[in-house]
Protein backbone atom coordinates (compact mmCIF):
# COMPACT_ATOMS: atom_id res chain seq x y z
CA MET A 1 21.98 -5.39 6.96
CA LYS A 2 21.53 -8.82 5.49
CA ASN A 3 19.92 -9.65 1.65
CA LEU A 4 16.95 -12.03 2.11
CA PRO A 5 16.34 -13.56 -2.10
CA ILE A 6 13.58 -13.21 -3.42
CA ILE A 7 12.58 -16.97 -4.01
CA GLN A 8 12.91 -17.55 -0.28
CA ALA A 9 11.06 -14.31 0.61
CA GLU A 10 8.03 -15.26 -1.39
CA GLU A 11 8.44 -19.24 0.15
CA PHE A 12 9.01 -18.26 3.93
CA ILE A 13 5.31 -16.08 3.92
CA ALA A 14 3.71 -18.64 2.05
CA ASN A 15 4.98 -20.89 4.79
CA VAL A 16 4.10 -18.69 7.89
CA LEU A 17 0.93 -18.21 6.22
CA GLN A 18 -0.06 -21.94 5.69
CA ALA A 19 0.90 -23.20 9.32
CA ASN A 20 -1.28 -20.44 10.24
CA LYS A 21 -4.54 -22.22 8.19
CA VAL A 22 -4.16 -20.11 5.42
CA PRO A 23 -4.89 -22.05 2.20
CA ALA A 24 -1.86 -22.80 -0.22
CA ALA A 25 -3.38 -20.90 -3.25
CA ASP A 26 -4.31 -17.88 -1.42
CA ALA A 27 -1.01 -17.91 0.65
CA LYS A 28 0.72 -18.35 -2.65
CA ILE A 29 -0.95 -14.97 -4.21
CA VAL A 30 -0.51 -12.85 -0.46
CA ALA A 31 3.35 -13.80 -0.30
CA GLN A 32 3.61 -12.23 -4.04
CA LEU A 33 2.25 -9.47 -3.57
CA MET A 34 3.60 -8.90 0.24
CA VAL A 35 7.00 -9.07 -1.47
CA LYS A 36 6.40 -6.58 -4.35
CA SER A 37 5.81 -3.92 -2.00
CA ASP A 38 9.45 -4.66 -0.55
CA LEU A 39 10.72 -4.78 -4.10
CA VAL A 40 10.16 -1.48 -4.97
CA GLY A 41 11.15 -0.05 -1.43
CA ALA A 42 7.62 0.06 0.44
CA ASP A 43 9.50 -1.16 2.93
CA GLY A 44 6.71 -0.64 6.07
CA HIS A 45 4.46 -2.46 3.55
CA GLY A 46 5.70 -5.62 2.47
CA ILE A 47 7.42 -9.11 4.69
CA PHE A 48 7.67 -6.56 7.96
CA ARG A 49 3.94 -6.78 8.38
CA LEU A 50 3.72 -10.65 8.30
CA PRO A 51 3.96 -10.74 11.89
CA ALA A 52 1.25 -8.74 12.39
CA TYR A 53 -1.14 -10.19 9.62
CA ILE A 54 -0.76 -13.46 11.94
CA LYS A 55 -1.24 -11.90 15.15
CA ARG A 56 -4.86 -11.26 13.67
CA ILE A 57 -5.14 -14.18 12.24
CA ARG A 58 -4.77 -16.14 15.38
CA ALA A 59 -6.91 -13.86 16.73
CA GLY A 60 -9.77 -14.60 15.09
CA GLY A 61 -9.72 -11.56 13.06
CA ILE A 62 -9.11 -12.61 9.68
CA ASN A 63 -11.65 -14.82 7.18
CA LEU A 64 -9.19 -17.97 6.45
CA ASN A 65 -11.63 -19.02 3.96
CA PRO A 66 -13.84 -15.98 2.28
CA ASN A 67 -16.53 -15.41 -0.39
CA ILE A 68 -14.92 -12.46 -1.82
CA HIS A 69 -17.72 -11.96 -4.44
CA ILE A 70 -19.30 -8.72 -6.27
CA GLU A 71 -22.30 -6.99 -4.04
CA ARG A 72 -23.09 -4.57 -6.46
CA GLU A 73 -22.27 -4.23 -10.56
CA GLN A 74 -24.10 -1.51 -12.77
CA GLY A 75 -22.33 -0.98 -16.11
CA ALA A 76 -18.54 0.30 -15.57
CA THR A 77 -18.82 0.22 -11.90
CA ALA A 78 -18.96 -3.14 -8.76
CA LEU A 79 -18.34 -2.82 -5.42
CA ILE A 80 -16.78 -5.92 -3.81
CA ASN A 81 -17.61 -7.48 -0.63
CA GLY A 82 -13.70 -8.76 0.49
CA ASP A 83 -15.98 -11.18 3.51
CA ASN A 84 -12.59 -9.76 6.18
CA ALA A 85 -10.45 -11.90 3.75
CA LEU A 86 -6.58 -11.02 3.52
CA GLY A 87 -6.75 -7.75 2.12
CA HIS A 88 -4.17 -8.70 -0.74
CA LEU A 89 -6.78 -11.19 -2.07
CA VAL A 90 -9.51 -8.72 -1.92
CA MET A 91 -7.43 -6.37 -4.13
CA ASN A 92 -6.28 -8.91 -6.46
CA ARG A 93 -9.52 -9.53 -7.46
CA ALA A 94 -10.47 -6.09 -7.53
CA VAL A 95 -8.10 -5.86 -9.68
CA ASP A 96 -8.76 -8.84 -12.32
CA LEU A 97 -12.44 -7.39 -12.17
CA ALA A 98 -10.42 -3.66 -13.39
CA ILE A 99 -9.25 -5.45 -16.13
CA GLU A 100 -12.27 -7.13 -17.28
CA LYS A 101 -14.37 -4.08 -16.84
CA VAL A 102 -11.80 -1.67 -18.70
CA LYS A 103 -11.36 -3.92 -21.67
CA GLN A 104 -15.12 -3.82 -21.96
CA HIS A 105 -16.26 0.12 -21.11
CA SER A 106 -12.68 1.67 -21.50
CA VAL A 107 -13.07 3.28 -18.10
CA CYS A 108 -14.37 1.89 -15.02
CA TRP A 109 -14.51 2.17 -11.32
CA VAL A 110 -14.45 -0.63 -8.65
CA GLY A 111 -14.64 -0.50 -5.14
CA SER A 112 -14.72 -2.62 -2.45
CA HIS A 113 -15.27 -3.03 1.56
CA PHE A 114 -15.05 -5.95 4.15
CA GLY A 115 -11.00 -5.72 2.98
CA ASN A 116 -7.95 -5.64 4.99
CA HIS A 117 -4.22 -3.94 4.68
CA SER A 118 -3.45 -5.04 1.55
CA GLY A 119 0.29 -3.45 1.04
CA ALA A 120 1.42 -0.80 -0.96
CA ALA A 121 -0.64 0.85 -3.05
CA SER A 122 1.39 1.29 -5.71
CA VAL A 123 1.32 -2.70 -6.40
CA TYR A 124 -1.74 -2.61 -7.72
CA VAL A 125 -1.48 0.53 -9.89
CA ARG A 126 1.46 -0.90 -11.71
CA LYS A 127 -0.55 -4.31 -12.11
CA LEU A 128 -2.75 -2.28 -14.10
CA ALA A 129 -0.01 0.33 -16.29
CA GLU A 130 1.46 -3.31 -17.69
CA HIS A 131 -1.52 -4.10 -19.24
CA GLY A 132 -1.37 -0.39 -20.91
CA TYR A 133 -3.73 1.01 -18.63
CA ILE A 134 -4.10 3.94 -16.08
CA GLY A 135 -4.43 2.85 -12.47
CA ILE A 136 -5.92 5.01 -9.88
CA TYR A 137 -6.15 3.80 -6.54
CA MET A 138 -7.32 5.07 -3.44
CA ALA A 139 -8.38 3.74 0.68
CA VAL A 140 -8.59 4.40 3.97
CA GLY A 141 -5.85 3.58 6.03
CA ASN A 142 -6.20 0.41 8.35
CA ALA A 143 -6.10 3.61 11.41
CA ASN A 144 -6.70 6.70 11.91
CA HIS A 145 -2.83 8.95 12.89
CA MET A 146 -3.97 12.37 11.74
CA ALA A 147 -6.19 15.15 13.44
CA PRO A 148 -8.71 17.26 11.45
CA TRP A 149 -6.33 20.18 10.08
CA GLY A 150 -6.24 22.21 13.52
CA GLY A 151 -7.68 19.55 15.61
CA ILE A 152 -6.32 17.10 17.88
CA ASP A 153 -8.81 14.15 17.60
CA LEU A 154 -7.12 11.21 15.63
CA LEU A 155 -10.32 10.86 13.27
CA LEU A 156 -8.36 10.11 10.10
CA SER A 157 -5.59 7.59 8.68
CA THR A 158 -2.81 8.20 6.06
CA ASN A 159 -5.43 7.37 3.73
CA PRO A 160 -2.99 6.76 0.27
CA ILE A 161 -3.43 7.43 -3.63
CA ALA A 162 -1.57 6.20 -6.11
CA ILE A 163 -1.95 6.62 -10.21
CA ALA A 164 -0.04 4.99 -12.53
CA VAL A 165 0.65 5.76 -16.38
CA PRO A 166 1.94 3.46 -18.97
CA ALA A 167 5.49 4.59 -20.86
CA GLY A 168 5.57 1.67 -23.19
CA ASP A 169 9.40 0.29 -22.31
CA HIS A 170 10.14 2.90 -19.99
CA PRO A 171 9.59 2.91 -16.21
CA ILE A 172 5.87 3.47 -15.71
CA VAL A 173 5.26 6.86 -14.21
CA LEU A 174 3.95 6.17 -11.27
CA LEU A 175 3.04 8.05 -7.75
CA ASP A 176 2.57 6.62 -4.66
CA ILE A 177 1.62 8.53 -1.65
CA ALA A 178 0.48 8.95 1.72
CA THR A 179 -1.81 11.54 2.30
CA THR A 180 0.79 12.05 5.36
CA VAL A 181 4.06 13.33 5.24
CA ALA A 182 5.01 9.94 6.50
CA ALA A 183 3.45 6.74 5.95
CA TYR A 184 2.68 5.04 9.48
CA GLY A 185 4.60 1.77 8.52
CA LYS A 186 7.98 4.06 8.44
CA VAL A 187 7.35 4.89 12.03
CA LYS A 188 7.05 1.35 13.38
CA VAL A 189 9.98 0.87 11.07
CA ALA A 190 12.22 3.15 12.75
CA ALA A 191 10.67 2.18 16.41
CA GLN A 192 11.45 -1.44 15.70
CA LYS A 193 15.27 -0.02 14.93
CA GLY A 194 15.61 2.28 17.75
CA GLU A 195 16.18 4.52 15.55
CA SER A 196 14.70 8.75 15.88
CA ILE A 197 12.42 10.18 13.25
CA PRO A 198 12.61 13.90 11.76
CA ASP A 199 10.78 16.32 13.26
CA THR A 200 8.18 17.51 10.47
CA TRP A 201 6.49 14.13 10.49
CA MET A 202 4.41 14.06 13.58
CA ILE A 203 3.07 16.47 16.60
CA ASP A 204 1.58 16.29 19.75
CA ARG A 205 -1.08 17.53 21.29
CA ASN A 206 -0.03 20.93 22.30
CA GLY A 207 1.59 20.81 18.55
CA GLN A 208 5.26 20.27 19.61
CA ALA A 209 7.35 17.97 17.57
CA ILE A 210 7.59 13.91 18.40
CA THR A 211 10.92 12.23 17.22
CA ASP A 212 10.98 9.62 19.15
CA PRO A 213 8.85 6.73 17.43
CA ARG A 214 7.59 4.82 20.46
CA LYS A 215 5.71 8.15 21.55
CA SER A 216 3.63 8.01 17.52
CA SER A 217 0.54 6.83 19.86
CA GLU A 218 0.74 10.36 21.77
CA GLY A 219 0.41 12.50 18.82
CA SER A 220 -1.18 12.99 15.25
CA LEU A 221 1.12 12.69 11.61
CA LEU A 222 0.87 15.73 9.64
CA PRO A 223 -0.62 15.94 6.34
CA ILE A 224 1.20 16.67 3.25
CA GLY A 225 0.91 20.13 2.03
CA GLY A 226 -0.84 21.38 5.42
CA TYR A 227 -4.47 22.04 5.37
CA LYS A 228 -3.99 21.11 1.58
CA GLY A 229 -3.39 17.11 2.32
CA TYR A 230 -5.51 17.26 4.92
CA GLY A 231 -8.47 17.91 3.04
CA LEU A 232 -7.14 15.34 0.18
CA ALA A 233 -7.23 12.88 2.71
CA VAL A 234 -10.68 13.92 3.48
CA MET A 235 -12.02 13.11 0.13
CA ILE A 236 -9.84 9.78 -0.68
CA GLY A 237 -11.65 9.06 2.65
CA LEU A 238 -15.09 9.80 1.34
CA LEU A 239 -14.42 8.07 -2.06
CA ALA A 240 -13.04 5.00 -0.78
CA GLY A 241 -14.49 4.65 2.43
CA THR A 242 -18.07 6.42 2.75
CA LEU A 243 -18.98 5.69 -0.66
CA ASN A 244 -18.26 2.24 -0.53
CA ASN A 245 -20.35 1.20 3.15
CA ALA A 246 -16.70 1.21 4.66
CA ALA A 247 -15.16 1.82 7.88
CA VAL A 248 -14.18 5.97 7.89
CA GLY A 249 -13.64 8.61 10.63
CA LYS A 250 -14.75 7.63 14.17
CA ASP A 251 -15.98 3.85 12.41
CA THR A 252 -12.10 3.06 11.54
CA ILE A 253 -10.68 -0.06 13.63
CA ASP A 254 -6.41 0.25 14.65
CA PHE A 255 -5.72 -3.25 13.47
CA ASN A 256 -2.39 -3.14 15.20
CA ALA A 257 -4.33 -2.79 18.46
CA HIS A 258 -7.88 -4.75 17.43
CA HIS A 259 -6.21 -8.07 15.86
CA ASP A 260 -10.02 -9.74 16.90
CA LEU A 261 -11.77 -6.42 15.24
CA ILE A 262 -13.31 -6.72 11.45
CA THR A 263 -11.86 -3.39 9.79
CA ASN A 264 -14.16 -3.01 7.08
CA THR A 265 -11.00 -1.25 5.11
CA GLY A 266 -12.25 0.55 1.97
CA GLN A 267 -10.16 0.14 -1.16
CA THR A 268 -11.02 2.15 -4.62
CA ILE A 269 -9.46 1.01 -8.37
CA ILE A 270 -10.42 3.26 -11.23
CA ALA A 271 -9.06 1.98 -14.78
CA VAL A 272 -8.39 4.18 -17.92
CA ASP A 273 -7.60 2.71 -21.68
CA PRO A 274 -5.66 5.50 -22.75
CA SER A 275 -7.12 4.65 -26.16
CA ALA A 276 -9.90 5.63 -25.89
CA PHE A 277 -8.79 9.55 -26.00
CA GLY A 278 -6.60 8.33 -28.91
CA ASN A 279 -3.74 6.54 -31.08
CA GLN A 280 -1.75 4.82 -27.43
CA GLU A 281 1.27 4.37 -29.44
CA GLN A 282 1.04 7.99 -29.56
CA PHE A 283 0.11 8.43 -26.00
CA VAL A 284 3.05 6.36 -24.83
CA GLU A 285 5.55 8.56 -26.93
CA ARG A 286 3.82 12.44 -25.47
CA VAL A 287 4.09 10.68 -21.67
CA ILE A 288 7.87 9.68 -22.31
CA THR A 289 8.80 13.29 -24.46
CA LEU A 290 7.29 14.81 -20.96
CA VAL A 291 8.98 12.90 -18.98
CA ASN A 292 12.81 13.37 -20.99
CA ASP A 293 11.79 16.82 -20.65
CA LEU A 294 11.62 16.93 -17.14
CA LYS A 295 14.48 15.04 -16.88
CA ALA A 296 16.87 17.28 -19.15
CA SER A 297 15.35 20.37 -17.34
CA SER A 298 18.46 22.72 -16.14
CA ARG A 299 19.11 22.04 -12.04
CA LEU A 300 19.87 24.17 -8.69
CA PRO A 301 22.82 24.39 -7.27
CA GLY A 302 23.72 20.94 -5.68
CA VAL A 303 21.23 18.90 -8.17
CA ASN A 304 22.43 15.90 -9.40
CA GLU A 305 19.82 14.66 -11.60
CA ILE A 306 15.94 15.24 -11.69
CA ARG A 307 13.63 12.35 -11.00
CA VAL A 308 10.13 11.83 -11.81
CA PRO A 309 7.16 9.59 -10.11
CA GLY A 310 8.40 6.06 -9.91
CA ASP A 311 12.06 6.56 -10.87
CA GLY A 312 13.09 5.29 -7.18
CA ALA A 313 10.75 2.95 -7.64
CA ALA A 314 12.48 1.31 -10.51
CA LYS A 315 15.85 1.56 -9.56
CA SER A 316 14.87 -0.44 -6.00
CA MET A 317 13.27 -3.04 -8.02
CA ALA A 318 15.95 -3.56 -10.72
CA ARG A 319 18.68 -3.75 -7.36
CA ARG A 320 16.03 -5.84 -5.37
CA LEU A 321 15.51 -8.32 -7.64
CA GLN A 322 19.28 -9.07 -8.42
CA GLU A 323 20.28 -8.55 -4.19
CA GLY A 324 16.83 -8.95 -2.40
CA ILE A 325 15.62 -7.86 0.06
CA PRO A 326 17.44 -5.93 2.70
CA ILE A 327 16.35 -7.49 6.47
CA SER A 328 17.58 -5.49 8.90
CA PRO A 329 18.67 -7.25 12.25
CA GLU A 330 15.69 -6.32 14.09
CA LEU A 331 13.18 -7.42 11.38
CA LYS A 332 15.21 -10.90 11.22
CA GLU A 333 14.29 -11.53 14.92
CA SER A 334 10.67 -10.31 14.72
CA LEU A 335 10.26 -12.72 11.49
CA ASN A 336 12.14 -15.57 13.09
CA GLN A 337 9.91 -15.23 16.40
CA CYS A 338 7.38 -15.89 14.05
CA ALA A 339 8.53 -18.71 12.26
CA GLN A 340 9.54 -20.03 15.98
CA GLU A 341 5.82 -19.87 16.71
CA CYS A 342 4.75 -21.59 12.91
CA GLY A 343 7.13 -24.38 13.51
CA ILE A 344 8.58 -24.02 10.79
CA ALA A 345 12.47 -23.39 9.79
CA ALA A 346 13.83 -19.57 10.64
CA LEU A 347 15.14 -17.45 8.41
CA ASP A 348 19.07 -18.33 7.92
CA LEU A 349 20.33 -14.76 6.75
């Protein structure tokens, strides 16, 4: 592993995007948001995805001059039409709108459709928490990799959910999970590295475990918590997909297999102002108290520490801001192949 400095990563991504006719301002925003995924350790959602995005752009599957606009608006709610833009641009607009609306209404719900893959869910709720708001994010994944509980037809995606709660000067309490045991991006990273995957991640059509990520197309990701994770994936699909008139179920497009098709990705952002329920500072104090109580609680034998949601991301961010993003030889080769095709300088690591 070699580390890629953050500034260099952002510049590389922006240069690749601009070489493929993405406007400079948009390329800069997307690059910054992609790197934020890498910063928190979501390696399957950051710079790793750049070659796939470029394939979609070159195939005409992305609108590079979109009119991202509010299609419907009523009180504290809004529906954004992403006009098939790069997903990061759509969600960046959705979060900005959520911040505007939560200031006015104390709570808001912003849905979007005709978006695309936008990286780690935590990126968007983190921004809300940094402004002092509670943030909730839900999305329909960009390919169906999970069957209904007890079935074999791939009708659901990893459908992630993220929740961020501000904690003052302490690390944001942040949960970012797929509704499958593992996000499909982790399977793709393992395949790229030539590594096996745990036998708890996927099963084939006969219910047998898959450990070779290269055979992932032959099976289904398993939901978290058995039937409970399946149920959660269904409900997220309804709230982020069906409600937003976005693709879900059989209408979901596999953006890895069909680079030229419009995915109509559905996503939802909810923002809540804690001050609507009482004193903001006292709320933060109560959050910190719970976190401290959890971390100070008695541990099982062999357990060194009790962690809370967001601990790992906070540590990863602090380390990677200093050291850079770990780049495997396989990822470096993929990125430099992309650079060569775009006519820009390769990564020198």
